[in-house]
Amino acid sequence: VLRDYADQKEAVALARARLGGNEHAGRVKGDRPVWTGPHVDIFGRISADGRFLTYVDWFETGNLMLHDMVTGTDHSLTKKKSWDDSPGQASYSAISRDGKRVAYEWLNDQRRYELCVAGLIGTTLGEPQRLVASAEYTSVRPFDWSPDGKWIAVHVKRSDLATQIGVVSVPDGSLRVLQSVDWRGPSNMSFSIDGKFIAFDLPA
């Protein structure tokens, strides 16, 4: 933002504040790694302020994890002690726009994925709310939250092998199907700023 939108004073001021006044960041050219190592995966999402990133601990526990981009520390959001410690495994996840909640896909003891939402309190997770947990769905992958926090954009795989994209209502867990898609589905989905549209990709 500092580099490409220098004429937009309000956006630059906000970006500078979030960077802690680091003017050097505005002069960096091109992409650069911000976190490297064996735990990086493609299943999590960055928070709106750019500080936190969710991911899965594929090595030891299957827990949903939170990486702090500022301190470089990692925190376990779910509480498994090891892969052998009770059923369950995290998968896709997304942090709400206000940074207060996390939606995540969890493999339950019946070997089906369910969609859960929990409050993000610092680096801990509150008691999860199961939004979608039905034999009708084998996978419910969250990708993004609507700006008002009322909807979650999801990629759904059904037990009859149909694949769909849609939105799940956070208040009541109902699924609104928007479109049936190729079995591979999207690798990313995102709400527009006004929350009226969803952008998604599909394999050609």
Protein backbone atom coordinates (compact mmCIF):
# COMPACT_ATOMS: atom_id res chain seq x y z
CA VAL A 1 0.00 0.00 0.00
CA LEU A 2 2.79 2.43 0.92
CA ARG A 3 4.53 1.81 -2.39
CA ASP A 4 1.66 1.54 -4.85
CA TYR A 5 -0.92 3.94 -3.40
CA ALA A 6 1.19 6.78 -2.05
CA ASP A 7 -1.38 9.32 -3.26
CA GLN A 8 -4.08 7.86 -0.99
CA LYS A 9 -3.15 9.49 2.29
CA GLU A 10 -5.66 7.72 4.53
CA ALA A 11 -4.74 4.24 3.29
CA VAL A 12 -1.02 5.03 3.56
CA ALA A 13 -1.44 6.33 7.11
CA LEU A 14 -3.28 3.15 8.12
CA ALA A 15 -0.68 0.92 6.48
CA ARG A 16 2.14 2.85 8.14
CA ALA A 17 0.47 2.48 11.54
CA ARG A 18 0.06 -1.26 11.08
CA LEU A 19 3.70 -1.56 10.06
CA GLY A 20 4.73 0.29 13.20
CA GLY A 21 6.09 3.21 11.21
CA ASN A 22 8.51 1.03 9.26
CA GLU A 23 9.24 3.22 6.23
CA HIS A 24 11.56 0.59 4.77
CA ALA A 25 8.59 -1.66 3.96
CA GLY A 26 7.34 0.92 1.48
CA ARG A 27 10.59 0.73 -0.47
CA VAL A 28 10.77 -3.04 -0.81
CA LYS A 29 10.42 -4.14 -4.44
CA GLY A 30 8.73 -7.36 -5.43
CA ASP A 31 7.56 -10.30 -3.34
CA ARG A 32 9.54 -11.50 -0.36
CA PRO A 33 9.07 -14.39 2.08
CA VAL A 34 7.56 -13.41 5.43
CA TRP A 35 7.46 -16.88 6.97
CA THR A 36 9.37 -19.97 5.87
CA GLY A 37 9.79 -23.41 7.30
CA PRO A 38 8.27 -26.88 7.39
CA HIS A 39 4.91 -25.80 8.89
CA VAL A 40 3.80 -23.52 6.03
CA ASP A 41 0.72 -24.93 4.27
CA ILE A 42 -2.08 -23.83 1.93
CA PHE A 43 -5.00 -24.48 4.27
CA GLY A 44 -5.01 -21.30 6.35
CA ARG A 45 -5.71 -17.62 5.81
CA ILE A 46 -4.13 -14.37 6.92
CA SER A 47 -5.95 -11.98 9.25
CA ALA A 48 -7.14 -8.64 7.85
CA ASP A 49 -4.45 -6.73 9.76
CA GLY A 50 -1.74 -9.05 8.40
CA ARG A 51 -0.54 -10.16 11.83
CA PHE A 52 -1.89 -13.71 12.20
CA LEU A 53 -1.96 -16.73 9.90
CA THR A 54 -3.82 -19.98 10.52
CA TYR A 55 -2.37 -23.35 9.49
CA VAL A 56 -2.48 -27.04 10.41
CA ASP A 57 0.14 -28.87 12.47
CA TRP A 58 0.57 -31.78 10.07
CA PHE A 59 3.68 -33.07 11.86
CA GLU A 60 2.61 -33.84 15.44
CA THR A 61 -1.04 -33.26 16.32
CA GLY A 62 -3.40 -32.21 13.51
CA ASN A 63 -4.29 -29.13 15.55
CA LEU A 64 -5.44 -25.82 14.12
CA MET A 65 -2.54 -23.43 14.70
CA LEU A 66 -1.98 -19.67 14.73
CA HIS A 67 1.27 -18.09 13.61
CA ASP A 68 2.07 -14.56 14.84
CA MET A 69 3.83 -12.76 11.98
CA VAL A 70 5.17 -10.07 14.34
CA THR A 71 6.68 -12.20 17.10
CA GLY A 72 7.30 -15.31 14.99
CA THR A 73 5.59 -17.51 17.59
CA ASP A 74 3.09 -20.33 17.05
CA HIS A 75 0.06 -21.16 19.16
CA SER A 76 -2.20 -24.22 19.18
CA LEU A 77 -5.88 -23.24 18.87
CA THR A 78 -7.29 -26.75 19.29
CA LYS A 79 -6.14 -29.01 22.08
CA LYS A 80 -4.98 -32.38 20.77
CA LYS A 81 -1.73 -33.58 22.33
CA SER A 82 -0.75 -35.91 19.47
CA TRP A 83 -2.13 -37.66 16.39
CA ASP A 84 -3.10 -40.58 18.66
CA ASP A 85 -4.90 -38.36 21.16
CA SER A 86 -8.62 -38.75 20.29
CA PRO A 87 -10.16 -38.41 16.82
CA GLY A 88 -10.07 -35.08 15.05
CA GLN A 89 -8.01 -33.03 12.65
CA ALA A 90 -8.13 -29.46 11.40
CA SER A 91 -8.18 -28.56 7.73
CA TYR A 92 -9.17 -25.33 5.94
CA SER A 93 -9.70 -22.21 8.05
CA ALA A 94 -10.43 -18.49 7.74
CA ILE A 95 -10.23 -15.57 10.17
CA SER A 96 -13.14 -13.10 10.26
CA ARG A 97 -12.56 -9.56 8.97
CA ASP A 98 -12.63 -8.12 12.51
CA GLY A 99 -10.13 -10.73 13.73
CA LYS A 100 -12.47 -11.94 16.48
CA ARG A 101 -13.54 -15.34 15.12
CA VAL A 102 -12.14 -18.29 13.20
CA ALA A 103 -14.10 -20.64 10.93
CA TYR A 104 -12.45 -24.01 10.43
CA GLU A 105 -13.09 -27.43 8.96
CA TRP A 106 -12.71 -30.26 11.48
CA LEU A 107 -12.61 -34.00 10.83
CA ASN A 108 -14.92 -35.57 13.43
CA ASP A 109 -14.97 -39.05 14.95
CA GLN A 110 -17.23 -40.29 12.12
CA ARG A 111 -14.56 -39.38 9.56
CA ARG A 112 -16.64 -36.53 8.13
CA TYR A 113 -15.65 -32.89 8.03
CA GLU A 114 -17.80 -30.34 9.83
CA LEU A 115 -17.68 -26.55 9.82
CA CYS A 116 -16.95 -24.94 13.18
CA VAL A 117 -16.71 -21.34 14.35
CA ALA A 118 -15.01 -20.18 17.53
CA GLY A 119 -14.03 -16.89 19.09
CA LEU A 120 -10.38 -15.91 18.73
CA ILE A 121 -9.33 -14.44 22.06
CA GLY A 122 -5.72 -13.32 21.75
CA THR A 123 -4.03 -16.58 20.81
CA THR A 124 -6.64 -18.92 22.30
CA LEU A 125 -9.88 -20.29 20.91
CA GLY A 126 -13.25 -20.22 22.63
CA GLU A 127 -15.78 -23.05 22.69
CA PRO A 128 -16.57 -23.99 19.06
CA GLN A 129 -20.02 -23.66 17.51
CA ARG A 130 -20.77 -26.39 14.96
CA LEU A 131 -22.41 -24.68 12.02
CA VAL A 132 -22.55 -27.57 9.56
CA ALA A 133 -22.29 -31.15 10.84
CA SER A 134 -24.38 -33.51 8.72
CA ALA A 135 -23.96 -36.81 6.91
CA GLU A 136 -25.18 -34.92 3.83
CA TYR A 137 -21.80 -33.19 3.53
CA THR A 138 -18.38 -34.84 3.47
CA SER A 139 -16.46 -31.56 3.31
CA VAL A 140 -17.25 -27.90 4.06
CA ARG A 141 -14.20 -25.75 3.39
CA PRO A 142 -14.30 -22.12 4.60
CA PHE A 143 -12.43 -19.51 2.54
CA ASP A 144 -13.63 -16.06 3.58
CA TRP A 145 -16.01 -14.13 5.85
CA SER A 146 -18.41 -11.47 4.62
CA PRO A 147 -17.48 -7.96 5.81
CA ASP A 148 -20.44 -7.93 8.22
CA GLY A 149 -19.48 -11.31 9.69
CA LYS A 150 -22.83 -12.92 8.88
CA TRP A 151 -21.75 -15.30 6.09
CA ILE A 152 -18.86 -17.63 5.34
CA ALA A 153 -17.94 -18.48 1.74
CA VAL A 154 -17.52 -22.25 1.46
CA HIS A 155 -16.67 -25.04 -0.97
CA VAL A 156 -18.95 -28.00 -0.25
CA LYS A 157 -18.58 -31.65 -1.19
CA ARG A 158 -21.73 -33.70 -0.72
CA SER A 159 -22.12 -37.37 0.07
CA ASP A 160 -23.76 -37.86 -3.36
CA LEU A 161 -20.45 -36.59 -4.89
CA ALA A 162 -21.88 -33.22 -5.98
CA THR A 163 -19.57 -30.23 -5.51
CA GLN A 164 -20.88 -26.73 -4.84
CA ILE A 165 -19.88 -23.27 -3.75
CA GLY A 166 -22.10 -21.31 -1.42
CA VAL A 167 -22.37 -19.33 1.79
CA VAL A 168 -23.16 -20.53 5.30
CA SER A 169 -25.14 -18.30 7.65
CA VAL A 170 -23.21 -17.74 10.87
CA PRO A 171 -26.34 -17.12 13.01
CA ASP A 172 -28.15 -20.35 12.09
CA GLY A 173 -25.79 -22.59 10.07
CA SER A 174 -28.00 -22.73 6.97
CA LEU A 175 -26.29 -23.27 3.60
CA ARG A 176 -27.20 -21.19 0.57
CA VAL A 177 -25.88 -22.87 -2.59
CA LEU A 178 -24.73 -20.41 -5.26
CA GLN A 179 -23.40 -22.71 -7.96
CA SER A 180 -22.50 -26.31 -8.74
CA VAL A 181 -18.90 -26.65 -9.94
CA ASP A 182 -16.34 -29.10 -11.25
CA TRP A 183 -15.46 -31.85 -8.74
CA ARG A 184 -12.08 -30.24 -8.07
CA GLY A 185 -13.72 -27.01 -6.93
CA PRO A 186 -12.03 -23.67 -6.21
CA SER A 187 -8.71 -23.18 -4.47
CA ASN A 188 -9.73 -19.70 -3.30
CA MET A 189 -12.88 -17.64 -2.71
CA SER A 190 -13.23 -14.04 -1.55
CA PHE A 191 -16.06 -11.62 -0.75
CA SER A 192 -16.08 -8.20 -2.39
CA ILE A 193 -15.66 -5.21 -0.08
CA ASP A 194 -19.41 -4.53 -0.08
CA GLY A 195 -20.22 -8.21 0.53
CA LYS A 196 -22.47 -8.45 -2.53
CA PHE A 197 -20.23 -10.64 -4.71
CA ILE A 198 -17.90 -13.61 -4.33
CA ALA A 199 -14.85 -14.10 -6.53
CA PHE A 200 -13.55 -17.65 -7.00
CA ASP A 201 -11.20 -19.57 -9.22
CA LEU A 202 -11.75 -22.91 -10.98
CA PRO A 203 -9.37 -25.24 -12.83
CA ALA A 204 -9.50 -24.75 -16.62
